[in-house]
Amino acid sequence: MDSYNITKDQRALLLCDLERGGVKHDIRRLETVFKKCRFHVTRVNVSTKTNVMTDLKTFQNKLSSGVSGLAVVIVAHGRLGHITVSDGELKLEEIFQLFSNRACPALQQKPKLFVVQSCRGVFEHAQHPSIDGGGQGQPGRTTLLPTESDVMVVYAVHPGMLAVRHADSGCPLFEEMEKVFEDLGTSHHMYELFTEVNERLMLNVRRESYGISFDKKATHEETRKIMECDIGRSLHIESSLTKKWYLTEKESFFKIIYEYIIEWLIKSLKCMVHELLRFFFCC
């Protein structure tokens, strides 16, 4: 299978609800992951529906034909097919379609990644700091694939499931994502990377049972209701990518190694000069 032609001009958009517990850890990890992979990172805060869509359209309009890849990460409360904003709900499909082949010609035949960290439940449940859920949802028909081609969508959980997060450390998904991209980001393509993330998440479930650290303020009844809900443990990955998507081209990888060696040589040379000068003046 061929690979996408990836250049330095890849973009990442982080759409985050700053009111969620642990979100500062999520943002830090995501910015670290994408900046190390040489993405240009933009952050949009979840506010009103109008403001969010305005900010997203502004970002979309700035995308040029030179962009070689896009990653959009959504971190918010939600339910199946929706995320919660300050004045109601916003359909995920509305966000996806902003970057479709039709709406965004600059991204035609370019790889696009959407990562959604939010609940996908269809029943009403208590709001809780350890669950990325919202209000009542309807199963209904939901279009899960955002564009016709070259798209990979990674949901934190399967439909009907609730997404776990930890107020003191953030989301398990992003914790494992940071480790995997650090270990394998230069040698594995995108689908392989998230397959590895999923495997590590499942290993953690078996090893630690991924217990939820409930907030002390939650009532016994709220805790009981949440424990009766289906907590998602496995990623839901959908892909219409037509090629392998490496975060950097092979040439770029070797260039990174070359630049690292040059940087090391310069530092070594500076140390040698410093030692020689110190020896000369001491004598």
C-alpha atoms as a PDB file:
ATOM      1  CA  MET A   1       0.000   0.000   0.000  1.00  0.00           C
ATOM      2  CA  ASP A   2       1.251   3.472  -0.878  1.00  0.00           C
ATOM      3  CA  SER A   3       1.817   6.202   1.703  1.00  0.00           C
ATOM      4  CA  TYR A   4       0.398   9.704   1.846  1.00  0.00           C
ATOM      5  CA  ASN A   5       2.781  12.469   0.824  1.00  0.00           C
ATOM      6  CA  ILE A   6       3.368  14.117   4.196  1.00  0.00           C
ATOM      7  CA  THR A   7       5.192  17.444   4.516  1.00  0.00           C
ATOM      8  CA  LYS A   8       6.007  19.666   7.474  1.00  0.00           C
ATOM      9  CA  ASP A   9       2.656  21.441   7.055  1.00  0.00           C
ATOM     10  CA  GLN A  10       0.290  19.263   9.101  1.00  0.00           C
ATOM     11  CA  ARG A  11      -2.338  20.846  11.343  1.00  0.00           C
ATOM     12  CA  ALA A  12      -3.888  19.788  14.630  1.00  0.00           C
ATOM     13  CA  LEU A  13      -7.014  21.308  16.178  1.00  0.00           C
ATOM     14  CA  LEU A  14      -7.865  20.675  19.834  1.00  0.00           C
ATOM     15  CA  LEU A  15     -11.500  21.379  20.736  1.00  0.00           C
ATOM     16  CA  CYS A  16     -11.600  21.174  24.536  1.00  0.00           C
ATOM     17  CA  ASP A  17     -14.103  21.787  27.323  1.00  0.00           C
ATOM     18  CA  LEU A  18     -12.027  23.582  29.948  1.00  0.00           C
ATOM     19  CA  GLU A  19     -14.603  22.823  32.654  1.00  0.00           C
ATOM     20  CA  ARG A  20     -13.846  19.091  32.614  1.00  0.00           C
ATOM     21  CA  GLY A  21     -11.746  17.743  35.447  1.00  0.00           C
ATOM     22  CA  GLY A  22      -8.312  16.642  34.284  1.00  0.00           C
ATOM     23  CA  VAL A  23      -8.488  18.573  31.008  1.00  0.00           C
ATOM     24  CA  LYS A  24      -5.194  20.359  31.687  1.00  0.00           C
ATOM     25  CA  HIS A  25      -3.447  16.972  31.635  1.00  0.00           C
ATOM     26  CA  ASP A  26      -5.188  16.055  28.373  1.00  0.00           C
ATOM     27  CA  ILE A  27      -4.191  19.324  26.690  1.00  0.00           C
ATOM     28  CA  ARG A  28      -0.587  19.005  27.814  1.00  0.00           C
ATOM     29  CA  ARG A  29      -0.323  15.463  26.462  1.00  0.00           C
ATOM     30  CA  LEU A  30      -2.017  16.262  23.165  1.00  0.00           C
ATOM     31  CA  GLU A  31       0.107  19.334  22.537  1.00  0.00           C
ATOM     32  CA  THR A  32       3.229  17.309  23.327  1.00  0.00           C
ATOM     33  CA  VAL A  33       2.220  14.514  20.938  1.00  0.00           C
ATOM     34  CA  PHE A  34       1.401  16.735  17.982  1.00  0.00           C
ATOM     35  CA  LYS A  35       4.225  19.221  18.416  1.00  0.00           C
ATOM     36  CA  LYS A  36       6.758  16.384  18.536  1.00  0.00           C
ATOM     37  CA  CYS A  37       5.259  15.147  15.278  1.00  0.00           C
ATOM     38  CA  ARG A  38       5.668  18.685  13.885  1.00  0.00           C
ATOM     39  CA  PHE A  39       1.989  19.537  13.642  1.00  0.00           C
ATOM     40  CA  HIS A  40       0.972  23.173  13.946  1.00  0.00           C
ATOM     41  CA  VAL A  41      -1.428  23.106  16.925  1.00  0.00           C
ATOM     42  CA  THR A  42      -4.506  25.324  17.350  1.00  0.00           C
ATOM     43  CA  ARG A  43      -6.778  25.206  20.380  1.00  0.00           C
ATOM     44  CA  VAL A  44     -10.488  26.076  20.464  1.00  0.00           C
ATOM     45  CA  ASN A  45     -12.419  26.209  23.727  1.00  0.00           C
ATOM     46  CA  VAL A  46     -15.892  24.702  23.999  1.00  0.00           C
ATOM     47  CA  SER A  47     -18.305  27.583  24.600  1.00  0.00           C
ATOM     48  CA  THR A  48     -21.585  28.324  22.807  1.00  0.00           C
ATOM     49  CA  LYS A  49     -22.527  26.496  19.631  1.00  0.00           C
ATOM     50  CA  THR A  50     -22.243  29.689  17.573  1.00  0.00           C
ATOM     51  CA  ASN A  51     -18.816  30.556  18.939  1.00  0.00           C
ATOM     52  CA  VAL A  52     -17.476  27.047  18.443  1.00  0.00           C
ATOM     53  CA  MET A  53     -18.670  26.858  14.836  1.00  0.00           C
ATOM     54  CA  THR A  54     -17.301  30.346  14.134  1.00  0.00           C
ATOM     55  CA  ASP A  55     -13.883  29.393  15.512  1.00  0.00           C
ATOM     56  CA  LEU A  56     -13.868  26.133  13.544  1.00  0.00           C
ATOM     57  CA  LYS A  57     -14.804  27.893  10.299  1.00  0.00           C
ATOM     58  CA  THR A  58     -12.048  30.454  10.884  1.00  0.00           C
ATOM     59  CA  PHE A  59      -9.581  27.593  11.288  1.00  0.00           C
ATOM     60  CA  GLN A  60     -10.966  25.861   8.188  1.00  0.00           C
ATOM     61  CA  ASN A  61     -10.648  29.012   6.059  1.00  0.00           C
ATOM     62  CA  LYS A  62      -6.959  29.288   6.931  1.00  0.00           C
ATOM     63  CA  LEU A  63      -6.157  25.830   5.594  1.00  0.00           C
ATOM     64  CA  SER A  64      -4.238  26.064   2.340  1.00  0.00           C
ATOM     65  CA  SER A  65      -3.594  23.499  -0.377  1.00  0.00           C
ATOM     66  CA  GLY A  66      -0.126  23.016   1.106  1.00  0.00           C
ATOM     67  CA  VAL A  67      -1.514  21.306   4.202  1.00  0.00           C
ATOM     68  CA  SER A  68      -0.707  17.598   3.990  1.00  0.00           C
ATOM     69  CA  GLY A  69      -2.695  16.262   6.951  1.00  0.00           C
ATOM     70  CA  LEU A  70      -5.213  17.234   9.637  1.00  0.00           C
ATOM     71  CA  ALA A  71      -5.922  15.971  13.150  1.00  0.00           C
ATOM     72  CA  VAL A  72      -8.970  17.146  15.106  1.00  0.00           C
ATOM     73  CA  VAL A  73      -9.286  16.070  18.745  1.00  0.00           C
ATOM     74  CA  ILE A  74     -12.571  16.692  20.550  1.00  0.00           C
ATOM     75  CA  VAL A  75     -12.549  16.550  24.354  1.00  0.00           C
ATOM     76  CA  ALA A  76     -15.963  17.224  25.853  1.00  0.00           C
ATOM     77  CA  HIS A  77     -19.037  15.857  27.575  1.00  0.00           C
ATOM     78  CA  GLY A  78     -21.546  14.338  25.203  1.00  0.00           C
ATOM     79  CA  ARG A  79     -23.821  11.562  24.057  1.00  0.00           C
ATOM     80  CA  LEU A  80     -24.166   9.501  20.899  1.00  0.00           C
ATOM     81  CA  GLY A  81     -23.496  11.767  17.924  1.00  0.00           C
ATOM     82  CA  HIS A  82     -23.306  14.991  19.983  1.00  0.00           C
ATOM     83  CA  ILE A  83     -21.060  16.977  22.283  1.00  0.00           C
ATOM     84  CA  THR A  84     -22.286  19.302  25.015  1.00  0.00           C
ATOM     85  CA  VAL A  85     -21.691  23.052  24.627  1.00  0.00           C
ATOM     86  CA  SER A  86     -22.599  25.823  27.060  1.00  0.00           C
ATOM     87  CA  ASP A  87     -25.974  26.535  25.430  1.00  0.00           C
ATOM     88  CA  GLY A  88     -27.021  23.016  24.431  1.00  0.00           C
ATOM     89  CA  GLU A  89     -25.585  20.445  22.065  1.00  0.00           C
ATOM     90  CA  LEU A  90     -23.585  20.346  18.852  1.00  0.00           C
ATOM     91  CA  LYS A  91     -23.750  17.486  16.384  1.00  0.00           C
ATOM     92  CA  LEU A  92     -20.428  15.835  15.662  1.00  0.00           C
ATOM     93  CA  GLU A  93     -21.470  15.589  12.044  1.00  0.00           C
ATOM     94  CA  GLU A  94     -21.539  19.392  11.798  1.00  0.00           C
ATOM     95  CA  ILE A  95     -17.901  19.465  12.888  1.00  0.00           C
ATOM     96  CA  PHE A  96     -16.876  16.603  10.613  1.00  0.00           C
ATOM     97  CA  GLN A  97     -18.514  18.112   7.571  1.00  0.00           C
ATOM     98  CA  LEU A  98     -16.507  21.335   7.900  1.00  0.00           C
ATOM     99  CA  PHE A  99     -13.476  19.339   6.777  1.00  0.00           C
ATOM    100  CA  SER A 100     -15.151  17.137   4.180  1.00  0.00           C
ATOM    101  CA  ASN A 101     -13.977  16.935   0.584  1.00  0.00           C
ATOM    102  CA  ARG A 102     -16.818  19.188  -0.493  1.00  0.00           C
ATOM    103  CA  ALA A 103     -16.545  21.841   2.222  1.00  0.00           C
ATOM    104  CA  CYS A 104     -12.746  21.947   2.389  1.00  0.00           C
ATOM    105  CA  PRO A 105     -11.089  21.392  -1.019  1.00  0.00           C
ATOM    106  CA  ALA A 106      -7.661  22.011   0.526  1.00  0.00           C
ATOM    107  CA  LEU A 107      -7.967  18.644   2.283  1.00  0.00           C
ATOM    108  CA  GLN A 108      -9.097  16.587  -0.702  1.00  0.00           C
ATOM    109  CA  GLN A 109      -7.097  13.343  -0.867  1.00  0.00           C
ATOM    110  CA  LYS A 110      -5.292  14.401   2.320  1.00  0.00           C
ATOM    111  CA  PRO A 111      -5.461  12.217   5.459  1.00  0.00           C
ATOM    112  CA  LYS A 112      -7.754  13.443   8.226  1.00  0.00           C
ATOM    113  CA  LEU A 113      -7.931  12.136  11.790  1.00  0.00           C
ATOM    114  CA  PHE A 114     -10.787  12.763  14.233  1.00  0.00           C
ATOM    115  CA  VAL A 115     -10.394  11.651  17.852  1.00  0.00           C
ATOM    116  CA  VAL A 116     -13.502  11.976  20.014  1.00  0.00           C
ATOM    117  CA  GLN A 117     -13.204  11.707  23.790  1.00  0.00           C
ATOM    118  CA  SER A 118     -16.793  11.865  25.025  1.00  0.00           C
ATOM    119  CA  CYS A 119     -19.574   9.569  26.104  1.00  0.00           C
ATOM    120  CA  ARG A 120     -21.729   7.903  23.448  1.00  0.00           C
ATOM    121  CA  GLY A 121     -24.549   6.750  25.684  1.00  0.00           C
ATOM    122  CA  VAL A 122     -28.227   6.874  24.740  1.00  0.00           C
ATOM    123  CA  PHE A 123     -29.775   6.984  28.219  1.00  0.00           C
ATOM    124  CA  GLU A 124     -29.982   9.734  30.811  1.00  0.00           C
ATOM    125  CA  HIS A 125     -27.503   9.430  33.663  1.00  0.00           C
ATOM    126  CA  ALA A 126     -26.158  11.599  36.465  1.00  0.00           C
ATOM    127  CA  GLN A 127     -23.488  14.144  35.595  1.00  0.00           C
ATOM    128  CA  HIS A 128     -20.251  13.047  37.240  1.00  0.00           C
ATOM    129  CA  PRO A 129     -16.633  14.272  37.220  1.00  0.00           C
ATOM    130  CA  SER A 130     -15.369  10.838  36.138  1.00  0.00           C
ATOM    131  CA  ILE A 131     -17.727  10.391  33.176  1.00  0.00           C
ATOM    132  CA  ASP A 132     -17.692  12.359  29.914  1.00  0.00           C
ATOM    133  CA  GLY A 133     -21.469  12.210  29.601  1.00  0.00           C
ATOM    134  CA  GLY A 134     -24.257  14.690  29.094  1.00  0.00           C
ATOM    135  CA  GLY A 135     -28.033  14.377  29.078  1.00  0.00           C
ATOM    136  CA  GLN A 136     -30.571  12.085  27.471  1.00  0.00           C
ATOM    137  CA  GLY A 137     -29.954  10.796  23.973  1.00  0.00           C
ATOM    138  CA  GLN A 138     -31.862   8.898  21.325  1.00  0.00           C
ATOM    139  CA  PRO A 139     -30.325   5.906  19.506  1.00  0.00           C
ATOM    140  CA  GLY A 140     -31.549   7.130  16.106  1.00  0.00           C
ATOM    141  CA  ARG A 141     -29.538   6.995  12.913  1.00  0.00           C
ATOM    142  CA  THR A 142     -26.151   8.666  13.077  1.00  0.00           C
ATOM    143  CA  THR A 143     -23.690   9.116  10.253  1.00  0.00           C
ATOM    144  CA  LEU A 144     -20.392   8.049  11.770  1.00  0.00           C
ATOM    145  CA  LEU A 145     -18.099   8.521   8.780  1.00  0.00           C
ATOM    146  CA  PRO A 146     -17.531  12.246   8.280  1.00  0.00           C
ATOM    147  CA  THR A 147     -16.328  12.391   4.683  1.00  0.00           C
ATOM    148  CA  GLU A 148     -16.170  10.285   1.558  1.00  0.00           C
ATOM    149  CA  SER A 149     -12.519   9.306   1.803  1.00  0.00           C
ATOM    150  CA  ASP A 150      -9.172   9.606   3.543  1.00  0.00           C
ATOM    151  CA  VAL A 151     -10.626   9.786   7.050  1.00  0.00           C
ATOM    152  CA  MET A 152      -9.877   7.950  10.265  1.00  0.00           C
ATOM    153  CA  VAL A 153     -12.217   8.386  13.229  1.00  0.00           C
ATOM    154  CA  VAL A 154     -11.213   7.210  16.694  1.00  0.00           C
ATOM    155  CA  TYR A 155     -13.922   7.231  19.355  1.00  0.00           C
ATOM    156  CA  ALA A 156     -12.889   6.676  22.976  1.00  0.00           C
ATOM    157  CA  VAL A 157     -15.755   4.185  23.331  1.00  0.00           C
ATOM    158  CA  HIS A 158     -18.280   2.236  21.264  1.00  0.00           C
ATOM    159  CA  PRO A 159     -21.877   3.457  20.734  1.00  0.00           C
ATOM    160  CA  GLY A 160     -23.957   3.219  23.892  1.00  0.00           C
ATOM    161  CA  MET A 161     -20.906   3.343  26.160  1.00  0.00           C
ATOM    162  CA  LEU A 162     -19.668   5.936  28.652  1.00  0.00           C
ATOM    163  CA  ALA A 163     -16.132   7.337  28.462  1.00  0.00           C
ATOM    164  CA  VAL A 164     -13.962   7.334  31.580  1.00  0.00           C
ATOM    165  CA  ARG A 165     -11.604  10.099  32.647  1.00  0.00           C
ATOM    166  CA  HIS A 166      -9.728  10.847  35.854  1.00  0.00           C
ATOM    167  CA  ALA A 167      -9.814  14.316  37.378  1.00  0.00           C
ATOM    168  CA  ASP A 168      -6.273  13.973  38.732  1.00  0.00           C
ATOM    169  CA  SER A 169      -4.610  12.568  35.599  1.00  0.00           C
ATOM    170  CA  GLY A 170      -6.873  13.052  32.574  1.00  0.00           C
ATOM    171  CA  CYS A 171      -8.116  10.485  30.071  1.00  0.00           C
ATOM    172  CA  PRO A 172      -6.559   7.012  29.785  1.00  0.00           C
ATOM    173  CA  LEU A 173      -6.784   7.335  25.976  1.00  0.00           C
ATOM    174  CA  PHE A 174      -4.461  10.342  25.849  1.00  0.00           C
ATOM    175  CA  GLU A 175      -2.134   8.885  28.460  1.00  0.00           C
ATOM    176  CA  GLU A 176      -1.552   5.794  26.331  1.00  0.00           C
ATOM    177  CA  MET A 177      -1.553   7.834  23.119  1.00  0.00           C
ATOM    178  CA  GLU A 178       1.352   9.938  24.388  1.00  0.00           C
ATOM    179  CA  LYS A 179       3.394   6.823  25.200  1.00  0.00           C
ATOM    180  CA  VAL A 180       2.668   5.031  21.923  1.00  0.00           C
ATOM    181  CA  PHE A 181       3.375   8.031  19.706  1.00  0.00           C
ATOM    182  CA  GLU A 182       6.623   8.612  21.591  1.00  0.00           C
ATOM    183  CA  ASP A 183       7.698   4.965  21.197  1.00  0.00           C
ATOM    184  CA  LEU A 184       6.458   4.197  17.684  1.00  0.00           C
ATOM    185  CA  GLY A 185       5.539   7.526  16.042  1.00  0.00           C
ATOM    186  CA  THR A 186       8.464   7.535  13.612  1.00  0.00           C
ATOM    187  CA  SER A 187       8.137   3.913  12.476  1.00  0.00           C
ATOM    188  CA  HIS A 188       4.422   3.022  12.457  1.00  0.00           C
ATOM    189  CA  HIS A 189       1.521   4.447  10.484  1.00  0.00           C
ATOM    190  CA  MET A 190      -1.565   5.983  12.059  1.00  0.00           C
ATOM    191  CA  TYR A 191      -3.795   2.908  12.086  1.00  0.00           C
ATOM    192  CA  GLU A 192      -1.028   0.824  13.661  1.00  0.00           C
ATOM    193  CA  LEU A 193      -0.462   3.485  16.306  1.00  0.00           C
ATOM    194  CA  PHE A 194      -4.087   3.515  17.460  1.00  0.00           C
ATOM    195  CA  THR A 195      -4.274  -0.275  17.306  1.00  0.00           C
ATOM    196  CA  GLU A 196      -1.361  -0.301  19.729  1.00  0.00           C
ATOM    197  CA  VAL A 197      -3.081   2.335  21.897  1.00  0.00           C
ATOM    198  CA  ASN A 198      -6.183   0.135  22.015  1.00  0.00           C
ATOM    199  CA  GLU A 199      -4.143  -2.939  22.925  1.00  0.00           C
ATOM    200  CA  ARG A 200      -2.456  -1.113  25.789  1.00  0.00           C
ATOM    201  CA  LEU A 201      -5.790   0.198  27.057  1.00  0.00           C
ATOM    202  CA  MET A 202      -7.163  -3.337  27.100  1.00  0.00           C
ATOM    203  CA  LEU A 203      -4.054  -4.628  28.880  1.00  0.00           C
ATOM    204  CA  ASN A 204      -4.580  -1.961  31.537  1.00  0.00           C
ATOM    205  CA  VAL A 205      -8.196  -3.078  31.938  1.00  0.00           C
ATOM    206  CA  ARG A 206      -7.139  -6.648  32.547  1.00  0.00           C
ATOM    207  CA  ARG A 207      -4.242  -5.683  34.788  1.00  0.00           C
ATOM    208  CA  GLU A 208      -5.835  -2.907  36.823  1.00  0.00           C
ATOM    209  CA  SER A 209      -9.585  -3.247  36.094  1.00  0.00           C
ATOM    210  CA  TYR A 210      -9.391   0.526  35.415  1.00  0.00           C
ATOM    211  CA  GLY A 211     -11.373   1.469  38.479  1.00  0.00           C
ATOM    212  CA  ILE A 212     -13.138   4.807  38.420  1.00  0.00           C
ATOM    213  CA  SER A 213     -12.039   7.253  41.106  1.00  0.00           C
ATOM    214  CA  PHE A 214     -15.390   8.788  42.018  1.00  0.00           C
ATOM    215  CA  ASP A 215     -15.561  12.312  43.319  1.00  0.00           C
ATOM    216  CA  LYS A 216     -16.263  12.457  47.065  1.00  0.00           C
ATOM    217  CA  LYS A 217     -19.214  14.785  46.483  1.00  0.00           C
ATOM    218  CA  ALA A 218     -21.131  12.217  44.449  1.00  0.00           C
ATOM    219  CA  THR A 219     -24.109  10.798  46.339  1.00  0.00           C
ATOM    220  CA  HIS A 220     -24.529   7.084  46.869  1.00  0.00           C
ATOM    221  CA  GLU A 221     -27.454   7.056  44.419  1.00  0.00           C
ATOM    222  CA  GLU A 222     -25.448   8.858  41.715  1.00  0.00           C
ATOM    223  CA  THR A 223     -22.562   6.431  42.163  1.00  0.00           C
ATOM    224  CA  ARG A 224     -24.928   3.448  41.951  1.00  0.00           C
ATOM    225  CA  LYS A 225     -26.510   4.751  38.729  1.00  0.00           C
ATOM    226  CA  ILE A 226     -23.139   5.305  37.094  1.00  0.00           C
ATOM    227  CA  MET A 227     -21.866   1.880  38.106  1.00  0.00           C
ATOM    228  CA  GLU A 228     -24.973   0.363  36.484  1.00  0.00           C
ATOM    229  CA  CYS A 229     -24.115   2.085  33.184  1.00  0.00           C
ATOM    230  CA  ASP A 230     -21.900   0.542  30.531  1.00  0.00           C
ATOM    231  CA  ILE A 231     -18.374   1.894  30.893  1.00  0.00           C
ATOM    232  CA  GLY A 232     -16.439   1.728  27.639  1.00  0.00           C
ATOM    233  CA  ARG A 233     -13.024   0.045  27.687  1.00  0.00           C
ATOM    234  CA  SER A 234     -12.159  -0.314  24.004  1.00  0.00           C
ATOM    235  CA  LEU A 235     -11.658   2.231  21.231  1.00  0.00           C
ATOM    236  CA  HIS A 236     -14.038   2.333  18.280  1.00  0.00           C
ATOM    237  CA  ILE A 237     -11.955   2.928  15.154  1.00  0.00           C
ATOM    238  CA  GLU A 238     -13.368   3.608  11.688  1.00  0.00           C
ATOM    239  CA  SER A 239     -11.217   4.293   8.672  1.00  0.00           C
ATOM    240  CA  SER A 240     -11.583   5.198   5.019  1.00  0.00           C
ATOM    241  CA  LEU A 241      -7.889   5.961   4.610  1.00  0.00           C
ATOM    242  CA  THR A 242      -6.698   4.842   1.186  1.00  0.00           C
ATOM    243  CA  LYS A 243      -2.984   4.889   1.999  1.00  0.00           C
ATOM    244  CA  LYS A 244      -0.674   4.484   4.964  1.00  0.00           C
ATOM    245  CA  TRP A 245      -0.353   7.661   7.011  1.00  0.00           C
ATOM    246  CA  TYR A 246       3.046   8.079   8.589  1.00  0.00           C
ATOM    247  CA  LEU A 247       3.456  11.075  10.854  1.00  0.00           C
ATOM    248  CA  THR A 248       6.700  11.958   9.096  1.00  0.00           C
ATOM    249  CA  GLU A 249       8.098  10.880   5.766  1.00  0.00           C
ATOM    250  CA  LYS A 250      11.063   8.553   5.766  1.00  0.00           C
ATOM    251  CA  GLU A 251      13.231  11.388   4.463  1.00  0.00           C
ATOM    252  CA  SER A 252      11.997  13.638   7.249  1.00  0.00           C
ATOM    253  CA  PHE A 253      12.881  10.977   9.810  1.00  0.00           C
ATOM    254  CA  PHE A 254      16.458  10.723   8.548  1.00  0.00           C
ATOM    255  CA  LYS A 255      16.625  14.496   8.480  1.00  0.00           C
ATOM    256  CA  ILE A 256      15.606  14.574  12.136  1.00  0.00           C
ATOM    257  CA  ILE A 257      18.424  12.126  12.947  1.00  0.00           C
ATOM    258  CA  TYR A 258      20.846  14.211  10.904  1.00  0.00           C
ATOM    259  CA  GLU A 259      19.810  17.393  12.701  1.00  0.00           C
ATOM    260  CA  TYR A 260      20.168  15.633  16.050  1.00  0.00           C
ATOM    261  CA  ILE A 261      23.712  14.512  15.193  1.00  0.00           C
ATOM    262  CA  ILE A 262      24.660  18.008  14.038  1.00  0.00           C
ATOM    263  CA  GLU A 263      23.243  19.495  17.235  1.00  0.00           C
ATOM    264  CA  TRP A 264      25.210  16.968  19.298  1.00  0.00           C
ATOM    265  CA  LEU A 265      28.434  17.758  17.413  1.00  0.00           C
ATOM    266  CA  ILE A 266      27.954  21.498  17.938  1.00  0.00           C
ATOM    267  CA  LYS A 267      27.398  21.016  21.669  1.00  0.00           C
ATOM    268  CA  SER A 268      30.446  18.752  21.891  1.00  0.00           C
ATOM    269  CA  LEU A 269      32.559  21.276  20.013  1.00  0.00           C
ATOM    270  CA  LYS A 270      31.430  24.069  22.316  1.00  0.00           C
ATOM    271  CA  CYS A 271      32.360  21.975  25.341  1.00  0.00           C
ATOM    272  CA  MET A 272      35.796  21.246  23.869  1.00  0.00           C
ATOM    273  CA  VAL A 273      36.403  24.948  23.149  1.00  0.00           C
ATOM    274  CA  HIS A 274      35.284  25.841  26.651  1.00  0.00           C
ATOM    275  CA  GLU A 275      37.656  23.305  28.192  1.00  0.00           C
ATOM    276  CA  LEU A 276      40.554  24.467  26.023  1.00  0.00           C
ATOM    277  CA  LEU A 277      39.974  28.101  26.974  1.00  0.00           C
ATOM    278  CA  ARG A 278      39.717  27.182  30.627  1.00  0.00           C
ATOM    279  CA  PHE A 279      42.961  25.220  30.394  1.00  0.00           C
ATOM    280  CA  PHE A 280      44.702  28.070  28.553  1.00  0.00           C
ATOM    281  CA  PHE A 281      43.706  30.743  31.089  1.00  0.00           C
ATOM    282  CA  CYS A 282      44.458  28.524  34.047  1.00  0.00           C
ATOM    283  CA  CYS A 283      47.960  27.994  32.769  1.00  0.00           C
END
